[in-house]
Amino acid sequence: MEIKSCKACGARVVFIRHNVTGNIMCLDAEPNPRGNMHMSSEGLLSSAHAGDPDDHRYMSHHATCPDAEKFRKRRVKE
C-alpha cells in the first residue's frame, strides 16, 4: 500500500480500488475503528460491516478532508 499526501489538505492517504464497483477510492492512511470501508489482508476494499476488525477499517478521505469539495465531480444539469 503506497501512502501519498492529499493535494488539498496534505493528510496521509492511500488510493485503493473497490472490489465491487471498480472505482478508485481515497482513504485516510491510518485504520479507524469508525471507518466506513473494510480493507482485507489481500488489499481488497469493500463497504464496512458490523463485526469487521477495527484494524481493517478505514475512513473515506472525502469524509474527513476539509477541502473535499475541490475533488467532487460536478453533475451536468439536463
PDB file of N, CA and C in Angstrom:
ATOM      1  N   MET A   1       0.860  -1.174   0.000  1.00  0.00           N
ATOM      2  CA  MET A   1       0.000   0.000   0.000  1.00  0.00           C
ATOM      3  C   MET A   1       0.905   1.235   0.000  1.00  0.00           C
ATOM      4  N   GLU A   2       0.773   2.048  -1.024  1.00  0.00           N
ATOM      5  CA  GLU A   2       1.592   3.248  -1.145  1.00  0.00           C
ATOM      6  C   GLU A   2       0.880   4.440  -0.504  1.00  0.00           C
ATOM      7  N   ILE A   3       1.549   5.074   0.438  1.00  0.00           N
ATOM      8  CA  ILE A   3       0.975   6.231   1.130  1.00  0.00           C
ATOM      9  C   ILE A   3       1.380   7.497   0.390  1.00  0.00           C
ATOM     10  N   LYS A   4       0.391   8.347   0.132  1.00  0.00           N
ATOM     11  CA  LYS A   4       0.613   9.622  -0.560  1.00  0.00           C
ATOM     12  C   LYS A   4       0.062  10.743   0.306  1.00  0.00           C
ATOM     13  N   SER A   5       0.146  11.972  -0.190  1.00  0.00           N
ATOM     14  CA  SER A   5      -0.408  13.133   0.508  1.00  0.00           C
ATOM     15  C   SER A   5      -1.585  13.682  -0.274  1.00  0.00           C
ATOM     16  N   CYS A   6      -2.637  14.068   0.430  1.00  0.00           N
ATOM     17  CA  CYS A   6      -3.791  14.710  -0.196  1.00  0.00           C
ATOM     18  C   CYS A   6      -3.329  16.033  -0.792  1.00  0.00           C
ATOM     19  N   LYS A   7      -3.695  16.290  -2.039  1.00  0.00           N
ATOM     20  CA  LYS A   7      -3.284  17.530  -2.715  1.00  0.00           C
ATOM     21  C   LYS A   7      -3.950  18.758  -2.118  1.00  0.00           C
ATOM     22  N   ALA A   8      -5.051  18.582  -1.406  1.00  0.00           N
ATOM     23  CA  ALA A   8      -5.766  19.714  -0.822  1.00  0.00           C
ATOM     24  C   ALA A   8      -5.317  20.029   0.600  1.00  0.00           C
ATOM     25  N   CYS A   9      -5.287  19.002   1.462  1.00  0.00           N
ATOM     26  CA  CYS A   9      -5.032  19.271   2.883  1.00  0.00           C
ATOM     27  C   CYS A   9      -3.703  18.715   3.386  1.00  0.00           C
ATOM     28  N   GLY A  10      -3.033  17.887   2.582  1.00  0.00           N
ATOM     29  CA  GLY A  10      -1.735  17.343   2.974  1.00  0.00           C
ATOM     30  C   GLY A  10      -1.785  16.105   3.846  1.00  0.00           C
ATOM     31  N   ALA A  11      -2.982  15.618   4.165  1.00  0.00           N
ATOM     32  CA  ALA A  11      -3.110  14.420   5.011  1.00  0.00           C
ATOM     33  C   ALA A  11      -2.553  13.199   4.292  1.00  0.00           C
ATOM     34  N   ARG A  12      -2.142  12.202   5.079  1.00  0.00           N
ATOM     35  CA  ARG A  12      -1.642  10.939   4.516  1.00  0.00           C
ATOM     36  C   ARG A  12      -2.834  10.107   4.042  1.00  0.00           C
ATOM     37  N   VAL A  13      -2.808   9.691   2.770  1.00  0.00           N
ATOM     38  CA  VAL A  13      -3.911   8.947   2.168  1.00  0.00           C
ATOM     39  C   VAL A  13      -3.376   7.777   1.342  1.00  0.00           C
ATOM     40  N   VAL A  14      -4.267   6.848   1.027  1.00  0.00           N
ATOM     41  CA  VAL A  14      -3.963   5.752   0.108  1.00  0.00           C
ATOM     42  C   VAL A  14      -5.103   5.679  -0.913  1.00  0.00           C
ATOM     43  N   PHE A  15      -4.787   5.202  -2.104  1.00  0.00           N
ATOM     44  CA  PHE A  15      -5.782   5.015  -3.149  1.00  0.00           C
ATOM     45  C   PHE A  15      -5.926   3.517  -3.387  1.00  0.00           C
ATOM     46  N   ILE A  16      -7.155   3.013  -3.257  1.00  0.00           N
ATOM     47  CA  ILE A  16      -7.431   1.583  -3.362  1.00  0.00           C
ATOM     48  C   ILE A  16      -8.658   1.390  -4.258  1.00  0.00           C
ATOM     49  N   ARG A  17      -8.635   0.347  -5.080  1.00  0.00           N
ATOM     50  CA  ARG A  17      -9.782   0.037  -5.951  1.00  0.00           C
ATOM     51  C   ARG A  17     -10.815  -0.776  -5.162  1.00  0.00           C
ATOM     52  N   HIS A  18     -12.068  -0.331  -5.224  1.00  0.00           N
ATOM     53  CA  HIS A  18     -13.174  -1.035  -4.572  1.00  0.00           C
ATOM     54  C   HIS A  18     -13.431  -2.323  -5.346  1.00  0.00           C
ATOM     55  N   ASN A  19     -13.493  -3.462  -4.655  1.00  0.00           N
ATOM     56  CA  ASN A  19     -13.585  -4.748  -5.351  1.00  0.00           C
ATOM     57  C   ASN A  19     -14.952  -5.012  -5.966  1.00  0.00           C
ATOM     58  N   VAL A  20     -15.984  -4.248  -5.616  1.00  0.00           N
ATOM     59  CA  VAL A  20     -17.308  -4.441  -6.208  1.00  0.00           C
ATOM     60  C   VAL A  20     -17.557  -3.429  -7.327  1.00  0.00           C
ATOM     61  N   THR A  21     -17.336  -2.146  -7.054  1.00  0.00           N
ATOM     62  CA  THR A  21     -17.641  -1.107  -8.040  1.00  0.00           C
ATOM     63  C   THR A  21     -16.515  -0.893  -9.044  1.00  0.00           C
ATOM     64  N   GLY A  22     -15.283  -1.225  -8.659  1.00  0.00           N
ATOM     65  CA  GLY A  22     -14.140  -0.984  -9.526  1.00  0.00           C
ATOM     66  C   GLY A  22     -13.617   0.440  -9.444  1.00  0.00           C
ATOM     67  N   ASN A  23     -14.284   1.295  -8.672  1.00  0.00           N
ATOM     68  CA  ASN A  23     -13.851   2.688  -8.526  1.00  0.00           C
ATOM     69  C   ASN A  23     -12.619   2.775  -7.634  1.00  0.00           C
ATOM     70  N   ILE A  24     -11.748   3.738  -7.932  1.00  0.00           N
ATOM     71  CA  ILE A  24     -10.611   4.019  -7.060  1.00  0.00           C
ATOM     72  C   ILE A  24     -11.104   4.928  -5.946  1.00  0.00           C
ATOM     73  N   MET A  25     -10.799   4.568  -4.711  1.00  0.00           N
ATOM     74  CA  MET A  25     -11.217   5.370  -3.562  1.00  0.00           C
ATOM     75  C   MET A  25     -10.004   5.902  -2.826  1.00  0.00           C
ATOM     76  N   CYS A  26     -10.141   7.097  -2.304  1.00  0.00           N
ATOM     77  CA  CYS A  26      -9.106   7.728  -1.484  1.00  0.00           C
ATOM     78  C   CYS A  26      -9.490   7.522  -0.019  1.00  0.00           C
ATOM     79  N   LEU A  27      -8.601   6.880   0.736  1.00  0.00           N
ATOM     80  CA  LEU A  27      -8.851   6.596   2.151  1.00  0.00           C
ATOM     81  C   LEU A  27      -7.795   7.261   3.013  1.00  0.00           C
ATOM     82  N   ASP A  28      -8.169   7.614   4.243  1.00  0.00           N
ATOM     83  CA  ASP A  28      -7.163   8.032   5.213  1.00  0.00           C
ATOM     84  C   ASP A  28      -6.211   6.856   5.399  1.00  0.00           C
ATOM     85  N   ALA A  29      -4.919   7.135   5.543  1.00  0.00           N
ATOM     86  CA  ALA A  29      -3.904   6.076   5.565  1.00  0.00           C
ATOM     87  C   ALA A  29      -3.923   5.229   6.830  1.00  0.00           C
ATOM     88  N   GLU A  30      -4.450   5.747   7.918  1.00  0.00           N
ATOM     89  CA  GLU A  30      -4.448   5.008   9.186  1.00  0.00           C
ATOM     90  C   GLU A  30      -5.791   4.322   9.416  1.00  0.00           C
ATOM     91  N   PRO A  31      -5.796   3.095   9.925  1.00  0.00           N
ATOM     92  CA  PRO A  31      -7.057   2.434  10.268  1.00  0.00           C
ATOM     93  C   PRO A  31      -7.855   3.275  11.255  1.00  0.00           C
ATOM     94  N   ASN A  32      -9.175   3.154  11.181  1.00  0.00           N
ATOM     95  CA  ASN A  32     -10.069   3.925  12.034  1.00  0.00           C
ATOM     96  C   ASN A  32     -11.224   3.017  12.445  1.00  0.00           C
ATOM     97  N   PRO A  33     -11.421   2.767  13.733  1.00  0.00           N
ATOM     98  CA  PRO A  33     -12.498   1.865  14.158  1.00  0.00           C
ATOM     99  C   PRO A  33     -13.883   2.327  13.713  1.00  0.00           C
ATOM    100  N   ARG A  34     -14.031   3.612  13.378  1.00  0.00           N
ATOM    101  CA  ARG A  34     -15.313   4.137  12.892  1.00  0.00           C
ATOM    102  C   ARG A  34     -15.357   4.184  11.367  1.00  0.00           C
ATOM    103  N   GLY A  35     -14.347   3.618  10.709  1.00  0.00           N
ATOM    104  CA  GLY A  35     -14.230   3.695   9.252  1.00  0.00           C
ATOM    105  C   GLY A  35     -15.396   3.066   8.512  1.00  0.00           C
ATOM    106  N   ASN A  36     -15.688   3.622   7.340  1.00  0.00           N
ATOM    107  CA  ASN A  36     -16.813   3.139   6.540  1.00  0.00           C
ATOM    108  C   ASN A  36     -16.387   2.165   5.442  1.00  0.00           C
ATOM    109  N   MET A  37     -15.085   1.865   5.360  1.00  0.00           N
ATOM    110  CA  MET A  37     -14.572   0.941   4.359  1.00  0.00           C
ATOM    111  C   MET A  37     -13.746  -0.152   5.042  1.00  0.00           C
ATOM    112  N   HIS A  38     -13.775  -1.364   4.475  1.00  0.00           N
ATOM    113  CA  HIS A  38     -13.035  -2.501   5.020  1.00  0.00           C
ATOM    114  C   HIS A  38     -11.989  -2.925   4.000  1.00  0.00           C
ATOM    115  N   MET A  39     -10.731  -3.015   4.440  1.00  0.00           N
ATOM    116  CA  MET A  39      -9.673  -3.494   3.570  1.00  0.00           C
ATOM    117  C   MET A  39      -9.213  -4.854   4.084  1.00  0.00           C
ATOM    118  N   SER A  40      -9.319  -5.860   3.221  1.00  0.00           N
ATOM    119  CA  SER A  40      -8.906  -7.205   3.619  1.00  0.00           C
ATOM    120  C   SER A  40      -7.387  -7.278   3.653  1.00  0.00           C
ATOM    121  N   SER A  41      -6.877  -8.352   4.220  1.00  0.00           N
ATOM    122  CA  SER A  41      -5.429  -8.538   4.273  1.00  0.00           C
ATOM    123  C   SER A  41      -4.838  -8.714   2.872  1.00  0.00           C
ATOM    124  N   GLU A  42      -5.684  -9.032   1.881  1.00  0.00           N
ATOM    125  CA  GLU A  42      -5.237  -9.148   0.487  1.00  0.00           C
ATOM    126  C   GLU A  42      -5.287  -7.807  -0.234  1.00  0.00           C
ATOM    127  N   GLY A  43      -5.756  -6.746   0.457  1.00  0.00           N
ATOM    128  CA  GLY A  43      -5.828  -5.421  -0.149  1.00  0.00           C
ATOM    129  C   GLY A  43      -7.114  -5.163  -0.912  1.00  0.00           C
ATOM    130  N   LEU A  44      -8.136  -6.018  -0.725  1.00  0.00           N
ATOM    131  CA  LEU A  44      -9.425  -5.796  -1.374  1.00  0.00           C
ATOM    132  C   LEU A  44     -10.269  -4.864  -0.525  1.00  0.00           C
ATOM    133  N   LEU A  45     -10.949  -3.937  -1.175  1.00  0.00           N
ATOM    134  CA  LEU A  45     -11.733  -2.924  -0.473  1.00  0.00           C
ATOM    135  C   LEU A  45     -13.212  -3.174  -0.669  1.00  0.00           C
ATOM    136  N   SER A  46     -13.979  -3.066   0.401  1.00  0.00           N
ATOM    137  CA  SER A  46     -15.433  -3.186   0.330  1.00  0.00           C
ATOM    138  C   SER A  46     -16.037  -2.316   1.414  1.00  0.00           C
ATOM    139  N   SER A  47     -17.350  -2.141   1.364  1.00  0.00           N
ATOM    140  CA  SER A  47     -18.023  -1.365   2.410  1.00  0.00           C
ATOM    141  C   SER A  47     -17.899  -2.108   3.738  1.00  0.00           C
ATOM    142  N   ALA A  48     -17.718  -1.357   4.823  1.00  0.00           N
ATOM    143  CA  ALA A  48     -17.556  -1.964   6.141  1.00  0.00           C
ATOM    144  C   ALA A  48     -18.892  -2.476   6.670  1.00  0.00           C
ATOM    145  N   HIS A  49     -18.812  -3.545   7.436  1.00  0.00           N
ATOM    146  CA  HIS A  49     -19.986  -4.141   8.073  1.00  0.00           C
ATOM    147  C   HIS A  49     -19.703  -4.344   9.552  1.00  0.00           C
ATOM    148  N   ALA A  50     -20.752  -4.437  10.343  1.00  0.00           N
ATOM    149  CA  ALA A  50     -20.590  -4.717  11.768  1.00  0.00           C
ATOM    150  C   ALA A  50     -19.789  -6.003  11.915  1.00  0.00           C
ATOM    151  N   GLY A  51     -18.857  -6.014  12.831  1.00  0.00           N
ATOM    152  CA  GLY A  51     -18.046  -7.196  13.072  1.00  0.00           C
ATOM    153  C   GLY A  51     -16.709  -7.191  12.353  1.00  0.00           C
ATOM    154  N   ASP A  52     -16.509  -6.246  11.397  1.00  0.00           N
ATOM    155  CA  ASP A  52     -15.197  -6.150  10.753  1.00  0.00           C
ATOM    156  C   ASP A  52     -14.168  -5.722  11.791  1.00  0.00           C
ATOM    157  N   PRO A  53     -12.965  -6.296  11.773  1.00  0.00           N
ATOM    158  CA  PRO A  53     -11.949  -5.903  12.756  1.00  0.00           C
ATOM    159  C   PRO A  53     -11.572  -4.424  12.609  1.00  0.00           C
ATOM    160  N   ASP A  54     -11.388  -3.748  13.735  1.00  0.00           N
ATOM    161  CA  ASP A  54     -11.065  -2.315  13.732  1.00  0.00           C
ATOM    162  C   ASP A  54      -9.796  -2.006  12.952  1.00  0.00           C
ATOM    163  N   ASP A  55      -8.807  -2.899  12.989  1.00  0.00           N
ATOM    164  CA  ASP A  55      -7.548  -2.596  12.309  1.00  0.00           C
ATOM    165  C   ASP A  55      -7.634  -2.806  10.794  1.00  0.00           C
ATOM    166  N   HIS A  56      -8.817  -3.191  10.287  1.00  0.00           N
ATOM    167  CA  HIS A  56      -9.023  -3.323   8.844  1.00  0.00           C
ATOM    168  C   HIS A  56     -10.063  -2.331   8.341  1.00  0.00           C
ATOM    169  N   ARG A  57     -10.502  -1.423   9.210  1.00  0.00           N
ATOM    170  CA  ARG A  57     -11.494  -0.414   8.830  1.00  0.00           C
ATOM    171  C   ARG A  57     -10.775   0.900   8.538  1.00  0.00           C
ATOM    172  N   TYR A  58     -11.169   1.533   7.455  1.00  0.00           N
ATOM    173  CA  TYR A  58     -10.573   2.803   7.044  1.00  0.00           C
ATOM    174  C   TYR A  58     -11.678   3.786   6.714  1.00  0.00           C
ATOM    175  N   MET A  59     -11.400   5.070   6.898  1.00  0.00           N
ATOM    176  CA  MET A  59     -12.368   6.121   6.603  1.00  0.00           C
ATOM    177  C   MET A  59     -12.089   6.694   5.222  1.00  0.00           C
ATOM    178  N   SER A  60     -13.153   6.867   4.450  1.00  0.00           N
ATOM    179  CA  SER A  60     -13.026   7.540   3.163  1.00  0.00           C
ATOM    180  C   SER A  60     -12.470   8.941   3.418  1.00  0.00           C
ATOM    181  N   HIS A  61     -11.447   9.341   2.671  1.00  0.00           N
ATOM    182  CA  HIS A  61     -10.858  10.659   2.917  1.00  0.00           C
ATOM    183  C   HIS A  61     -11.828  11.779   2.552  1.00  0.00           C
ATOM    184  N   HIS A  62     -12.781  11.525   1.659  1.00  0.00           N
ATOM    185  CA  HIS A  62     -13.779  12.547   1.338  1.00  0.00           C
ATOM    186  C   HIS A  62     -14.633  12.887   2.561  1.00  0.00           C
ATOM    187  N   ALA A  63     -14.722  11.966   3.517  1.00  0.00           N
ATOM    188  CA  ALA A  63     -15.497  12.216   4.735  1.00  0.00           C
ATOM    189  C   ALA A  63     -14.726  13.043   5.757  1.00  0.00           C
ATOM    190  N   THR A  64     -13.394  13.094   5.638  1.00  0.00           N
ATOM    191  CA  THR A  64     -12.589  13.790   6.648  1.00  0.00           C
ATOM    192  C   THR A  64     -11.831  15.002   6.116  1.00  0.00           C
ATOM    193  N   CYS A  65     -11.698  15.131   4.814  1.00  0.00           N
ATOM    194  CA  CYS A  65     -10.908  16.225   4.232  1.00  0.00           C
ATOM    195  C   CYS A  65     -11.667  17.546   4.327  1.00  0.00           C
ATOM    196  N   PRO A  66     -11.051  18.589   4.868  1.00  0.00           N
ATOM    197  CA  PRO A  66     -11.736  19.884   4.951  1.00  0.00           C
ATOM    198  C   PRO A  66     -11.924  20.529   3.579  1.00  0.00           C
ATOM    199  N   ASP A  67     -11.196  20.060   2.569  1.00  0.00           N
ATOM    200  CA  ASP A  67     -11.301  20.627   1.227  1.00  0.00           C
ATOM    201  C   ASP A  67     -11.857  19.627   0.216  1.00  0.00           C
ATOM    202  N   ALA A  68     -12.677  18.697   0.658  1.00  0.00           N
ATOM    203  CA  ALA A  68     -13.185  17.630  -0.214  1.00  0.00           C
ATOM    204  C   ALA A  68     -13.972  18.168  -1.405  1.00  0.00           C
ATOM    205  N   GLU A  69     -14.641  19.308  -1.254  1.00  0.00           N
ATOM    206  CA  GLU A  69     -15.437  19.868  -2.344  1.00  0.00           C
ATOM    207  C   GLU A  69     -14.609  20.117  -3.599  1.00  0.00           C
ATOM    208  N   LYS A  70     -13.312  20.363  -3.445  1.00  0.00           N
ATOM    209  CA  LYS A  70     -12.448  20.608  -4.597  1.00  0.00           C
ATOM    210  C   LYS A  70     -12.365  19.391  -5.514  1.00  0.00           C
ATOM    211  N   PHE A  71     -12.658  18.210  -4.989  1.00  0.00           N
ATOM    212  CA  PHE A  71     -12.489  16.984  -5.746  1.00  0.00           C
ATOM    213  C   PHE A  71     -13.793  16.291  -6.115  1.00  0.00           C
ATOM    214  N   ARG A  72     -14.908  16.867  -5.731  1.00  0.00           N
ATOM    215  CA  ARG A  72     -16.186  16.255  -6.080  1.00  0.00           C
ATOM    216  C   ARG A  72     -16.485  16.528  -7.549  1.00  0.00           C
ATOM    217  N   LYS A  73     -17.011  15.513  -8.225  1.00  0.00           N
ATOM    218  CA  LYS A  73     -17.374  15.680  -9.623  1.00  0.00           C
ATOM    219  C   LYS A  73     -18.671  16.490  -9.688  1.00  0.00           C
ATOM    220  N   ARG A  74     -18.689  17.434 -10.584  1.00  0.00           N
ATOM    221  CA  ARG A  74     -19.887  18.252 -10.763  1.00  0.00           C
ATOM    222  C   ARG A  74     -20.852  17.538 -11.702  1.00  0.00           C
ATOM    223  N   ARG A  75     -22.116  17.536 -11.331  1.00  0.00           N
ATOM    224  CA  ARG A  75     -23.121  16.899 -12.166  1.00  0.00           C
ATOM    225  C   ARG A  75     -23.593  17.874 -13.232  1.00  0.00           C
ATOM    226  N   VAL A  76     -23.832  17.353 -14.409  1.00  0.00           N
ATOM    227  CA  VAL A  76     -24.295  18.172 -15.523  1.00  0.00           C
ATOM    228  C   VAL A  76     -25.818  18.256 -15.451  1.00  0.00           C
ATOM    229  N   LYS A  77     -26.344  19.487 -15.500  1.00  0.00           N
ATOM    230  CA  LYS A  77     -27.797  19.670 -15.483  1.00  0.00           C
ATOM    231  C   LYS A  77     -28.337  19.388 -16.861  1.00  0.00           C
ATOM    232  N   GLU A  78     -29.461  18.686 -16.894  1.00  0.00           N
ATOM    233  CA  GLU A  78     -30.081  18.361 -18.188  1.00  0.00           C
ATOM    234  C   GLU A  78     -31.197  19.299 -18.491  1.00  0.00           C
TER     235      GLU A  78
END
